[in-house]
Amino acid sequence: MSSVADFAPAVACTGIAPGKTCVIAVRFVPTALGKRIGIVQVAATGAAAVGAAAPFPVPVAVSGTTLTPTLTVEPPMARPGQIVVAKGINFPPGRPAVLNWDIRLGAQPAVADRTGQFTAAVLVFRRDVLGQRLLKATVPGLPLPVTSPPVLVMPLSYQPPNFVLRW
């Protein structure tokens, strides 16, 4: 049995007697997001079609769909020097992800468990840019990074800088 990039044989059958059946298991190992389709070739040696040499390939259509990964950050507001918690859901299991802010300060690795989830602590640097920020998770093999909803990075004080009271 041969496979295509997104599908790998998990169980193969050999030496099946005429009139018997065998279930062939195929593992779905996606290399990209969304619906993936392919053809797995099974080598048959039985009564070959006219003009076909034995063993001859029998194409079997296969398909699978990935779930869309999501990235969240808690709390959604942070101060410079604070650590936030990044949570990933539906990421490729066992594949490394690199988390970094949209202006590329620092990087934090994370690896999704067998359910496709991870939790990682991410630092907002002390002299970081204030305002809305995005956390991005880059996974090798995925065409685009997964982006979190905006996180508001606020100054250490709730008052604007150089605030002057007027009477």
C-alpha atoms as a PDB file:
ATOM      1  CA  MET A   1       0.000   0.000   0.000  1.00  0.00           C
ATOM      2  CA  SER A   2       1.384   3.437  -0.894  1.00  0.00           C
ATOM      3  CA  SER A   3       0.136   6.740   0.479  1.00  0.00           C
ATOM      4  CA  VAL A   4       0.048  10.478  -0.161  1.00  0.00           C
ATOM      5  CA  ALA A   5       1.455  13.212   2.116  1.00  0.00           C
ATOM      6  CA  ASP A   6      -1.626  13.605   4.374  1.00  0.00           C
ATOM      7  CA  PHE A   7      -2.380   9.901   4.807  1.00  0.00           C
ATOM      8  CA  ALA A   8      -0.185   7.121   6.166  1.00  0.00           C
ATOM      9  CA  PRO A   9      -0.895   3.384   6.379  1.00  0.00           C
ATOM     10  CA  ALA A  10      -1.521   2.203   9.934  1.00  0.00           C
ATOM     11  CA  VAL A  11      -2.440  -1.440   9.232  1.00  0.00           C
ATOM     12  CA  ALA A  12      -1.700  -3.305   6.019  1.00  0.00           C
ATOM     13  CA  CYS A  13      -2.984  -6.650   4.835  1.00  0.00           C
ATOM     14  CA  THR A  14      -0.835  -9.295   3.184  1.00  0.00           C
ATOM     15  CA  GLY A  15      -1.679 -12.616   1.640  1.00  0.00           C
ATOM     16  CA  ILE A  16      -5.480 -12.454   1.613  1.00  0.00           C
ATOM     17  CA  ALA A  17      -7.122 -15.652   0.353  1.00  0.00           C
ATOM     18  CA  PRO A  18      -9.705 -15.420  -2.449  1.00  0.00           C
ATOM     19  CA  GLY A  19     -13.149 -14.561  -1.108  1.00  0.00           C
ATOM     20  CA  LYS A  20     -11.737 -13.141   2.156  1.00  0.00           C
ATOM     21  CA  THR A  21     -11.653  -9.504   3.249  1.00  0.00           C
ATOM     22  CA  CYS A  22      -9.246  -7.272   5.097  1.00  0.00           C
ATOM     23  CA  VAL A  23      -9.750  -3.864   6.654  1.00  0.00           C
ATOM     24  CA  ILE A  24      -6.979  -1.427   5.810  1.00  0.00           C
ATOM     25  CA  ALA A  25      -6.420   1.354   8.349  1.00  0.00           C
ATOM     26  CA  VAL A  26      -5.118   4.710   7.135  1.00  0.00           C
ATOM     27  CA  ARG A  27      -3.914   7.411   9.553  1.00  0.00           C
ATOM     28  CA  PHE A  28      -4.754  11.034   8.779  1.00  0.00           C
ATOM     29  CA  VAL A  29      -1.605  13.157   9.267  1.00  0.00           C
ATOM     30  CA  PRO A  30      -2.487  16.544   7.736  1.00  0.00           C
ATOM     31  CA  THR A  31       0.219  18.831   6.393  1.00  0.00           C
ATOM     32  CA  ALA A  32      -2.179  21.783   6.024  1.00  0.00           C
ATOM     33  CA  LEU A  33      -5.503  22.995   7.424  1.00  0.00           C
ATOM     34  CA  GLY A  34      -8.978  22.360   6.015  1.00  0.00           C
ATOM     35  CA  LYS A  35     -10.324  19.524   3.894  1.00  0.00           C
ATOM     36  CA  ARG A  36      -7.624  17.198   2.575  1.00  0.00           C
ATOM     37  CA  ILE A  37      -8.215  14.583  -0.109  1.00  0.00           C
ATOM     38  CA  GLY A  38      -5.993  11.959  -1.638  1.00  0.00           C
ATOM     39  CA  ILE A  39      -5.722   8.504  -3.116  1.00  0.00           C
ATOM     40  CA  VAL A  40      -4.083   5.529  -1.475  1.00  0.00           C
ATOM     41  CA  GLN A  41      -2.826   2.847  -3.864  1.00  0.00           C
ATOM     42  CA  VAL A  42      -3.388  -0.772  -2.846  1.00  0.00           C
ATOM     43  CA  ALA A  43      -1.411  -3.400  -4.767  1.00  0.00           C
ATOM     44  CA  ALA A  44      -3.689  -6.212  -5.905  1.00  0.00           C
ATOM     45  CA  THR A  45      -2.397  -9.499  -7.322  1.00  0.00           C
ATOM     46  CA  GLY A  46      -5.667 -11.303  -8.024  1.00  0.00           C
ATOM     47  CA  ALA A  47      -7.409 -11.584 -11.359  1.00  0.00           C
ATOM     48  CA  ALA A  48      -5.917  -8.574 -13.108  1.00  0.00           C
ATOM     49  CA  ALA A  49      -7.980  -6.592 -15.543  1.00  0.00           C
ATOM     50  CA  VAL A  50      -7.299  -7.233 -19.205  1.00  0.00           C
ATOM     51  CA  GLY A  51      -3.983  -5.642 -20.107  1.00  0.00           C
ATOM     52  CA  ALA A  52      -2.957  -4.979 -16.471  1.00  0.00           C
ATOM     53  CA  ALA A  53       0.154  -6.554 -15.062  1.00  0.00           C
ATOM     54  CA  ALA A  54      -0.001  -8.261 -11.680  1.00  0.00           C
ATOM     55  CA  PRO A  55       0.359  -6.761  -9.149  1.00  0.00           C
ATOM     56  CA  PHE A  56      -1.788  -3.892 -10.329  1.00  0.00           C
ATOM     57  CA  PRO A  57      -2.658  -0.749  -8.330  1.00  0.00           C
ATOM     58  CA  VAL A  58      -6.168  -0.237  -7.022  1.00  0.00           C
ATOM     59  CA  PRO A  59      -6.823   3.419  -6.143  1.00  0.00           C
ATOM     60  CA  VAL A  60      -8.827   4.099  -2.978  1.00  0.00           C
ATOM     61  CA  ALA A  61     -10.071   7.653  -2.358  1.00  0.00           C
ATOM     62  CA  VAL A  62      -9.481   9.023   1.158  1.00  0.00           C
ATOM     63  CA  SER A  63     -10.343  12.345   2.780  1.00  0.00           C
ATOM     64  CA  GLY A  64     -10.123  14.124   6.111  1.00  0.00           C
ATOM     65  CA  THR A  65     -10.797  17.571   7.563  1.00  0.00           C
ATOM     66  CA  THR A  66      -8.795  19.385  10.217  1.00  0.00           C
ATOM     67  CA  LEU A  67     -10.270  21.606  12.883  1.00  0.00           C
ATOM     68  CA  THR A  68      -9.197  25.244  12.863  1.00  0.00           C
ATOM     69  CA  PRO A  69      -6.640  26.017  15.587  1.00  0.00           C
ATOM     70  CA  THR A  70      -7.502  28.830  17.987  1.00  0.00           C
ATOM     71  CA  LEU A  71      -5.276  30.811  20.322  1.00  0.00           C
ATOM     72  CA  THR A  72      -6.520  32.768  23.353  1.00  0.00           C
ATOM     73  CA  VAL A  73      -4.715  34.916  25.930  1.00  0.00           C
ATOM     74  CA  GLU A  74      -5.839  35.415  29.527  1.00  0.00           C
ATOM     75  CA  PRO A  75      -6.201  38.010  30.870  1.00  0.00           C
ATOM     76  CA  PRO A  76      -7.011  40.109  27.792  1.00  0.00           C
ATOM     77  CA  MET A  77      -5.409  43.171  29.466  1.00  0.00           C
ATOM     78  CA  ALA A  78      -1.845  43.161  30.785  1.00  0.00           C
ATOM     79  CA  ARG A  79       0.829  45.489  32.099  1.00  0.00           C
ATOM     80  CA  PRO A  80       4.485  45.559  31.136  1.00  0.00           C
ATOM     81  CA  GLY A  81       6.348  42.903  33.152  1.00  0.00           C
ATOM     82  CA  GLN A  82       3.234  40.745  33.578  1.00  0.00           C
ATOM     83  CA  ILE A  83       2.917  37.116  32.524  1.00  0.00           C
ATOM     84  CA  VAL A  84      -0.169  36.092  30.561  1.00  0.00           C
ATOM     85  CA  VAL A  85      -1.429  32.576  29.818  1.00  0.00           C
ATOM     86  CA  ALA A  86      -1.745  31.475  26.187  1.00  0.00           C
ATOM     87  CA  LYS A  87      -4.063  28.554  25.438  1.00  0.00           C
ATOM     88  CA  GLY A  88      -4.119  26.726  22.132  1.00  0.00           C
ATOM     89  CA  ILE A  89      -6.877  24.388  20.940  1.00  0.00           C
ATOM     90  CA  ASN A  90      -6.994  22.165  17.817  1.00  0.00           C
ATOM     91  CA  PHE A  91      -3.259  22.445  17.089  1.00  0.00           C
ATOM     92  CA  PRO A  92      -1.429  19.525  15.421  1.00  0.00           C
ATOM     93  CA  PRO A  93      -0.628  17.052  18.254  1.00  0.00           C
ATOM     94  CA  GLY A  94       3.044  16.723  19.153  1.00  0.00           C
ATOM     95  CA  ARG A  95       4.149  19.492  16.791  1.00  0.00           C
ATOM     96  CA  PRO A  96       6.076  22.465  18.207  1.00  0.00           C
ATOM     97  CA  ALA A  97       4.611  25.972  18.073  1.00  0.00           C
ATOM     98  CA  VAL A  98       6.516  29.214  18.634  1.00  0.00           C
ATOM     99  CA  LEU A  99       4.554  31.945  20.409  1.00  0.00           C
ATOM    100  CA  ASN A 100       5.581  35.562  19.976  1.00  0.00           C
ATOM    101  CA  TRP A 101       4.019  38.999  19.991  1.00  0.00           C
ATOM    102  CA  ASP A 102       3.215  40.702  16.700  1.00  0.00           C
ATOM    103  CA  ILE A 103       6.255  43.006  16.998  1.00  0.00           C
ATOM    104  CA  ARG A 104       8.526  39.964  17.530  1.00  0.00           C
ATOM    105  CA  LEU A 105       9.835  40.598  21.040  1.00  0.00           C
ATOM    106  CA  GLY A 106      10.884  37.262  22.531  1.00  0.00           C
ATOM    107  CA  ALA A 107       9.618  33.795  21.745  1.00  0.00           C
ATOM    108  CA  GLN A 108       8.025  31.063  23.846  1.00  0.00           C
ATOM    109  CA  PRO A 109       7.874  27.432  22.664  1.00  0.00           C
ATOM    110  CA  ALA A 110       4.794  25.276  23.168  1.00  0.00           C
ATOM    111  CA  VAL A 111       3.907  21.736  22.094  1.00  0.00           C
ATOM    112  CA  ALA A 112       0.332  20.547  21.718  1.00  0.00           C
ATOM    113  CA  ASP A 113      -0.566  17.356  23.610  1.00  0.00           C
ATOM    114  CA  ARG A 114      -2.290  14.383  21.966  1.00  0.00           C
ATOM    115  CA  THR A 115      -5.642  16.251  22.082  1.00  0.00           C
ATOM    116  CA  GLY A 116      -4.167  19.265  20.236  1.00  0.00           C
ATOM    117  CA  GLN A 117      -4.122  21.562  23.289  1.00  0.00           C
ATOM    118  CA  PHE A 118      -1.373  23.510  25.036  1.00  0.00           C
ATOM    119  CA  THR A 119      -1.009  26.098  27.787  1.00  0.00           C
ATOM    120  CA  ALA A 120       2.035  28.369  27.989  1.00  0.00           C
ATOM    121  CA  ALA A 121       3.121  31.358  30.074  1.00  0.00           C
ATOM    122  CA  VAL A 122       4.129  34.366  27.960  1.00  0.00           C
ATOM    123  CA  LEU A 123       5.882  37.477  29.267  1.00  0.00           C
ATOM    124  CA  VAL A 124       4.886  41.017  28.354  1.00  0.00           C
ATOM    125  CA  PHE A 125       8.284  42.729  28.475  1.00  0.00           C
ATOM    126  CA  ARG A 126       8.790  45.662  30.876  1.00  0.00           C
ATOM    127  CA  ARG A 127       9.659  48.174  28.164  1.00  0.00           C
ATOM    128  CA  ASP A 128       7.203  46.749  25.674  1.00  0.00           C
ATOM    129  CA  VAL A 129       4.987  48.728  23.307  1.00  0.00           C
ATOM    130  CA  LEU A 130       1.714  49.896  24.862  1.00  0.00           C
ATOM    131  CA  GLY A 131      -1.666  49.462  23.193  1.00  0.00           C
ATOM    132  CA  GLN A 132      -3.313  46.538  21.440  1.00  0.00           C
ATOM    133  CA  ARG A 133      -1.089  43.569  20.684  1.00  0.00           C
ATOM    134  CA  LEU A 134      -1.583  40.183  19.031  1.00  0.00           C
ATOM    135  CA  LEU A 135       0.032  36.931  20.089  1.00  0.00           C
ATOM    136  CA  LYS A 136       0.922  34.645  17.172  1.00  0.00           C
ATOM    137  CA  ALA A 137       1.567  30.901  17.151  1.00  0.00           C
ATOM    138  CA  THR A 138       3.728  29.695  14.260  1.00  0.00           C
ATOM    139  CA  VAL A 139       3.719  25.953  13.560  1.00  0.00           C
ATOM    140  CA  PRO A 140       6.038  24.423  10.940  1.00  0.00           C
ATOM    141  CA  GLY A 141       3.928  23.049   8.116  1.00  0.00           C
ATOM    142  CA  LEU A 142       0.982  25.421   8.626  1.00  0.00           C
ATOM    143  CA  PRO A 143       0.808  28.104   5.944  1.00  0.00           C
ATOM    144  CA  LEU A 144      -0.077  31.011   8.267  1.00  0.00           C
ATOM    145  CA  PRO A 145       0.410  31.733  11.958  1.00  0.00           C
ATOM    146  CA  VAL A 146      -2.585  31.413  14.293  1.00  0.00           C
ATOM    147  CA  THR A 147      -3.400  34.801  15.850  1.00  0.00           C
ATOM    148  CA  SER A 148      -5.053  35.562  19.189  1.00  0.00           C
ATOM    149  CA  PRO A 149      -7.710  38.199  19.767  1.00  0.00           C
ATOM    150  CA  PRO A 150      -6.159  41.590  20.693  1.00  0.00           C
ATOM    151  CA  VAL A 151      -4.502  41.950  24.099  1.00  0.00           C
ATOM    152  CA  LEU A 152      -4.401  45.446  25.596  1.00  0.00           C
ATOM    153  CA  VAL A 153      -1.001  46.319  27.095  1.00  0.00           C
ATOM    154  CA  MET A 154      -1.583  49.192  29.547  1.00  0.00           C
ATOM    155  CA  PRO A 155       0.798  51.444  31.456  1.00  0.00           C
ATOM    156  CA  LEU A 156       1.517  50.654  35.100  1.00  0.00           C
ATOM    157  CA  SER A 157      -0.868  53.428  36.123  1.00  0.00           C
ATOM    158  CA  TYR A 158      -4.466  53.851  35.030  1.00  0.00           C
ATOM    159  CA  GLN A 159      -3.893  57.598  34.675  1.00  0.00           C
ATOM    160  CA  PRO A 160      -2.468  58.981  31.470  1.00  0.00           C
ATOM    161  CA  PRO A 161       1.200  59.972  31.627  1.00  0.00           C
ATOM    162  CA  ASN A 162       1.876  63.547  32.848  1.00  0.00           C
ATOM    163  CA  PHE A 163      -1.643  63.841  34.245  1.00  0.00           C
ATOM    164  CA  VAL A 164      -2.134  67.184  35.987  1.00  0.00           C
ATOM    165  CA  LEU A 165      -5.048  67.960  38.291  1.00  0.00           C
ATOM    166  CA  ARG A 166      -6.765  71.265  37.609  1.00  0.00           C
ATOM    167  CA  TRP A 167      -9.011  73.016  40.100  1.00  0.00           C
END
